[in-house]
Amino acid sequence: MKCYLLALLLAFSTMAHAQTKADEAQIKSIIDEFMIYDASTKTFDFSKLLARSTEDASWVNIVGMYWNGRENMRKAFDGMFNQRNLFKDVEFGRKNVTIRFITPDVAVANVVSHVGEFYPPDGVNRGTNVVPASDEMGTMVFVKRGGKWLFTAGQNTIVDARAAPDNPIQAATSKK
């Protein structure tokens, strides 16, 4: 009986691992759809991300603005990226994604991206308003509903390159 239970546990752990790979791939595809740039119209399209989000999804942007609900997120992203042209011709590039499953139905992704320099508040260079190119760290929370992963909350922060050498975790691991 004990051997049967052990074999059953091993089989379930193997199946859970395989499902995790599929789940991870689904989450990464949502992250890839977060912001799609259409070069022909010079606009950003957030519709795929929003279609794969919960109705009550929320985002805290890089300067602390809180956008609650799918429709408010759509308006805010469109306003920042398309109406104001704040990020017109700004290069974006994904550098790293790590995903951690909190439960079988909840996952947190940490996404490091590179953002080229831009000019707030409207994308116009006024000589003193440049935000230098930098990396940013985004945290995205996903929930699994009906067998599908959905984005439900996110936040992004500029990675301050001046502070990075003083990160106590990196300092502790480099001394070992």
Protein backbone atom coordinates (compact mmCIF):
# COMPACT_ATOMS: atom_id res chain seq x y z
CA MET A 1 0.00 0.00 0.00
CA LYS A 2 2.84 2.38 0.90
CA CYS A 3 4.55 1.72 -2.45
CA TYR A 4 1.28 2.45 -4.26
CA LEU A 5 0.91 5.79 -2.43
CA LEU A 6 4.53 6.69 -3.12
CA ALA A 7 4.13 5.91 -6.83
CA LEU A 8 0.94 7.97 -6.93
CA LEU A 9 2.67 10.93 -5.26
CA LEU A 10 5.58 10.72 -7.69
CA ALA A 11 3.21 10.63 -10.67
CA PHE A 12 1.32 13.69 -9.42
CA SER A 13 4.54 15.62 -8.77
CA THR A 14 5.70 14.90 -12.34
CA MET A 15 2.33 16.01 -13.73
CA ALA A 16 2.40 19.19 -11.63
CA HIS A 17 5.86 20.03 -12.97
CA ALA A 18 4.71 19.57 -16.57
CA GLN A 19 1.68 21.75 -15.93
CA THR A 20 3.92 24.42 -14.41
CA LYS A 21 5.92 24.60 -17.65
CA ALA A 22 2.71 25.08 -19.64
CA ASP A 23 1.47 27.63 -17.12
CA GLU A 24 4.78 29.48 -17.28
CA ALA A 25 4.59 29.59 -21.09
CA GLN A 26 1.05 30.99 -20.94
CA ILE A 27 2.08 33.71 -18.49
CA LYS A 28 5.12 34.63 -20.58
CA SER A 29 2.91 34.98 -23.65
CA ILE A 30 0.71 37.46 -21.74
CA ILE A 31 3.81 39.42 -20.71
CA ASP A 32 4.96 39.46 -24.34
CA GLU A 33 1.58 40.93 -25.30
CA PHE A 34 1.78 43.62 -22.63
CA MET A 35 2.73 46.37 -25.02
CA ILE A 36 2.74 45.87 -28.76
CA TYR A 37 4.02 48.72 -30.92
CA ASP A 38 2.41 49.18 -34.33
CA ALA A 39 5.03 50.92 -36.49
CA SER A 40 2.51 51.71 -39.24
CA THR A 41 0.30 53.78 -36.93
CA LYS A 42 3.06 54.65 -34.43
CA THR A 43 0.80 53.60 -31.58
CA PHE A 44 0.94 51.07 -28.78
CA ASP A 45 -1.72 48.39 -28.57
CA PHE A 46 -2.68 47.14 -25.13
CA SER A 47 -5.83 45.32 -26.25
CA LYS A 48 -4.34 41.81 -26.08
CA LEU A 49 -3.12 42.31 -22.51
CA LEU A 50 -6.42 43.82 -21.44
CA ALA A 51 -8.37 40.97 -23.08
CA ARG A 52 -6.30 38.57 -20.96
CA SER A 53 -6.83 40.45 -17.68
CA THR A 54 -9.41 40.34 -14.93
CA GLU A 55 -12.16 42.95 -14.98
CA ASP A 56 -10.80 44.41 -11.73
CA ALA A 57 -7.14 44.41 -12.83
CA SER A 58 -5.00 47.30 -11.61
CA TRP A 59 -1.68 48.97 -12.35
CA VAL A 60 0.55 51.35 -10.39
CA ASN A 61 2.77 53.15 -12.87
CA ILE A 62 6.34 54.26 -12.50
CA VAL A 63 5.39 57.58 -10.87
CA GLY A 64 2.75 56.15 -8.52
CA MET A 65 -0.45 56.68 -10.52
CA TYR A 66 -3.03 54.02 -9.63
CA TRP A 67 -5.30 52.72 -12.38
CA ASN A 68 -8.02 50.40 -11.13
CA GLY A 69 -10.19 48.33 -13.45
CA ARG A 70 -9.67 47.14 -17.00
CA GLU A 71 -11.38 50.14 -18.59
CA ASN A 72 -9.38 52.67 -16.53
CA MET A 73 -6.18 50.83 -17.43
CA ARG A 74 -7.11 50.99 -21.12
CA LYS A 75 -7.75 54.74 -20.89
CA ALA A 76 -4.57 55.38 -18.90
CA PHE A 77 -2.25 53.31 -21.11
CA ASP A 78 -3.74 54.83 -24.25
CA GLY A 79 -3.46 58.33 -22.77
CA MET A 80 0.17 57.94 -21.71
CA PHE A 81 1.42 56.04 -24.74
CA ASN A 82 -0.76 57.20 -27.63
CA GLN A 83 -2.58 60.45 -26.92
CA ARG A 84 0.30 62.23 -25.19
CA ASN A 85 2.95 60.51 -27.33
CA LEU A 86 5.10 60.38 -24.22
CA PHE A 87 6.87 57.28 -25.47
CA LYS A 88 6.86 58.03 -29.20
CA ASP A 89 9.93 56.45 -30.83
CA VAL A 90 11.20 55.23 -27.43
CA GLU A 91 12.87 51.83 -27.53
CA PHE A 92 11.60 49.12 -25.18
CA GLY A 93 13.25 45.76 -24.71
CA ARG A 94 12.58 42.87 -22.39
CA LYS A 95 15.71 41.63 -20.62
CA ASN A 96 14.60 39.04 -18.09
CA VAL A 97 11.45 37.39 -16.73
CA THR A 98 11.22 35.26 -13.59
CA ILE A 99 7.98 33.63 -12.52
CA ARG A 100 7.14 32.26 -9.09
CA PHE A 101 3.98 30.27 -8.42
CA ILE A 102 2.49 31.28 -5.08
CA THR A 103 -0.30 28.71 -5.36
CA PRO A 104 -1.48 26.58 -8.29
CA ASP A 105 -3.74 29.52 -9.25
CA VAL A 106 -1.58 32.56 -8.38
CA ALA A 107 1.75 33.58 -9.90
CA VAL A 108 4.05 36.59 -9.60
CA ALA A 109 6.32 37.61 -12.45
CA ASN A 110 9.27 39.98 -12.11
CA VAL A 111 10.07 41.54 -15.47
CA VAL A 112 13.23 43.55 -16.18
CA SER A 113 12.94 45.74 -19.26
CA HIS A 114 15.07 48.44 -20.84
CA VAL A 115 13.41 51.76 -21.65
CA GLY A 116 15.08 54.31 -23.88
CA GLU A 117 15.22 57.98 -22.93
CA PHE A 118 11.95 59.90 -23.04
CA TYR A 119 10.62 63.40 -22.38
CA PRO A 120 7.74 63.88 -19.94
CA PRO A 121 5.03 64.98 -19.87
CA ASP A 122 4.30 64.85 -23.62
CA GLY A 123 7.33 63.43 -25.45
CA VAL A 124 8.68 66.86 -26.43
CA ASN A 125 12.34 67.63 -25.72
CA ARG A 126 12.43 70.94 -23.85
CA GLY A 127 16.14 70.69 -23.04
CA THR A 128 15.73 69.92 -19.34
CA ASN A 129 13.07 67.21 -19.20
CA VAL A 130 14.91 64.12 -20.39
CA VAL A 131 14.53 60.90 -18.43
CA PRO A 132 17.68 58.92 -19.28
CA ALA A 133 17.52 55.43 -20.69
CA SER A 134 17.33 52.91 -17.87
CA ASP A 135 16.14 49.51 -16.83
CA GLU A 136 12.89 49.06 -15.00
CA MET A 137 11.55 46.27 -12.82
CA GLY A 138 7.91 45.36 -13.18
CA THR A 139 5.96 43.07 -10.89
CA MET A 140 2.92 41.41 -12.41
CA VAL A 141 0.41 39.21 -10.60
CA PHE A 142 -1.57 36.54 -12.45
CA VAL A 143 -4.53 34.40 -11.42
CA LYS A 144 -5.77 31.21 -13.05
CA ARG A 145 -9.48 31.16 -13.80
CA GLY A 146 -11.25 28.55 -15.86
CA GLY A 147 -7.92 26.97 -16.78
CA LYS A 148 -6.51 30.23 -18.19
CA TRP A 149 -4.05 32.67 -16.68
CA LEU A 150 -5.17 36.31 -16.43
CA PHE A 151 -3.24 39.43 -15.48
CA THR A 152 -4.71 41.03 -12.34
CA ALA A 153 -2.22 43.53 -10.89
CA GLY A 154 1.07 45.19 -11.78
CA GLN A 155 3.53 47.88 -10.87
CA ASN A 156 6.82 49.11 -12.33
CA THR A 157 9.84 50.92 -10.87
CA ILE A 158 12.93 52.47 -12.41
CA VAL A 159 16.06 50.53 -11.50
CA ASP A 160 18.44 53.13 -10.10
CA ALA A 161 21.85 52.13 -11.47
CA ARG A 162 23.56 54.34 -8.86
CA ALA A 163 22.02 52.32 -6.03
CA ALA A 164 22.65 48.86 -7.53
CA PRO A 165 26.23 48.51 -6.17
CA ASP A 166 24.87 49.07 -2.66
CA ASN A 167 22.30 46.27 -2.83
CA PRO A 168 22.92 44.37 0.44
CA ILE A 169 21.90 41.04 -1.12
CA GLN A 170 24.47 41.34 -3.91
CA ALA A 171 27.14 42.50 -1.48
CA ALA A 172 26.50 39.50 0.81
CA THR A 173 26.61 36.95 -2.02
CA SER A 174 29.73 38.44 -3.62
CA LYS A 175 31.67 38.05 -0.31
CA LYS A 176 31.04 34.28 -0.20
